[in-house]
Protein backbone atom coordinates (compact mmCIF):
# COMPACT_ATOMS: atom_id res chain seq x y z
CA UNK A 1 -6.69 -0.12 0.23
CA UNK A 2 -5.82 -3.72 -0.54
CA UNK A 3 -3.25 -4.09 -3.32
CA UNK A 4 -4.34 -5.72 -6.54
CA UNK A 5 -2.84 -9.00 -7.71
CA UNK A 6 -1.15 -7.08 -10.53
CA UNK A 7 0.53 -4.73 -8.03
CA UNK A 8 1.80 -7.61 -5.90
CA UNK A 9 3.18 -9.42 -8.95
CA UNK A 10 4.86 -6.24 -10.19
CA UNK A 11 6.58 -5.79 -6.79
CA UNK A 12 7.70 -9.42 -6.85
CA UNK A 13 9.08 -9.11 -10.38
CA UNK A 14 10.99 -6.01 -9.32
CA UNK A 15 12.85 -7.67 -6.45
CA UNK A 16 12.92 -11.45 -6.99
CA UNK A 17 14.77 -13.81 -9.26
CA UNK A 18 12.24 -15.39 -11.59
CA UNK A 19 12.27 -18.88 -13.05
CA UNK A 20 9.62 -21.00 -14.71
CA UNK A 21 8.23 -24.23 -13.25
CA UNK A 22 7.50 -27.35 -15.27
CA UNK A 23 4.00 -26.04 -16.09
CA UNK A 24 5.35 -22.79 -17.49
CA UNK A 25 4.29 -20.68 -14.50
CA UNK A 26 6.51 -18.03 -12.96
CA UNK A 27 8.29 -18.89 -9.72
CA UNK A 28 9.64 -16.07 -7.60
CA UNK A 29 12.83 -16.72 -5.65
CA UNK A 30 13.54 -14.22 -2.89
CA UNK A 31 16.76 -13.82 -0.98
CA UNK A 32 16.69 -11.90 2.31
CA UNK A 33 17.34 -8.61 0.50
CA UNK A 34 14.48 -9.31 -1.92
CA UNK A 35 12.06 -10.03 0.93
CA UNK A 36 13.11 -6.82 2.66
CA UNK A 37 12.69 -4.84 -0.56
CA UNK A 38 9.29 -6.44 -1.26
CA UNK A 39 8.08 -5.49 2.22
CA UNK A 40 9.34 -1.93 1.71
CA UNK A 41 7.47 -1.60 -1.59
CA UNK A 42 4.24 -2.90 -0.04
CA UNK A 43 4.63 -0.63 3.00
CA UNK A 44 5.29 2.44 0.85
CA UNK A 45 2.26 1.74 -1.33
CA UNK A 46 0.07 1.36 1.76
CA UNK A 47 1.47 4.55 3.27
CA UNK A 48 0.71 6.51 0.10
CA UNK A 49 -2.83 5.12 -0.05
CA UNK A 50 -3.45 5.98 3.61
CA UNK A 51 -2.02 9.47 3.19
CA UNK A 52 -4.25 10.07 0.17
CA UNK A 53 -7.30 8.83 2.10
CA UNK A 54 -6.49 11.22 4.96
CA UNK A 55 -6.10 14.13 2.53
CA UNK A 56 -9.48 13.32 0.99
CA UNK A 57 -11.07 13.10 4.44
CA UNK A 58 -9.53 16.43 5.47
CA UNK A 59 -10.62 18.08 2.19
CA UNK A 60 -14.20 16.90 2.77
CA UNK A 61 -14.31 18.38 6.27
CA UNK A 62 -12.58 21.59 5.17
CA UNK A 63 -15.04 22.01 2.28
CA UNK A 64 -17.88 21.78 4.77
CA UNK A 65 -16.26 24.38 7.04
CA UNK A 66 -15.72 21.98 9.91
CA UNK A 67 -12.99 22.55 12.46
CA UNK A 68 -9.49 21.14 12.57
CA UNK A 69 -10.60 19.06 15.56
CA UNK A 70 -13.25 17.39 13.37
CA UNK A 71 -10.60 16.61 10.79
CA UNK A 72 -8.21 15.18 13.36
CA UNK A 73 -10.97 13.10 14.95
CA UNK A 74 -11.92 11.66 11.57
CA UNK A 75 -8.31 10.75 10.74
CA UNK A 76 -7.80 9.17 14.16
CA UNK A 77 -11.00 7.17 13.70
CA UNK A 78 -9.48 5.64 10.53
CA UNK A 79 -6.85 3.93 12.71
CA UNK A 80 -9.56 2.21 14.72
CA UNK A 81 -11.27 0.69 11.67
């Protein structure tokens, strides 16, 4: 799932130094640690979303009494999308 603008801004605010430009808009200043931390937050959010999607897919197949092979095939197919 694509992150929302609000999520991305929240991650940036968590790890960057923030200043204000001449128009009053936020500017985010990242050092190398901040960039690394930002990437880690984005990766973790994506991993959680993908794990949840796989659980939902598995629950659907299990509820319809399909085999573990069907579940594995469906999860593997997600990687090819």
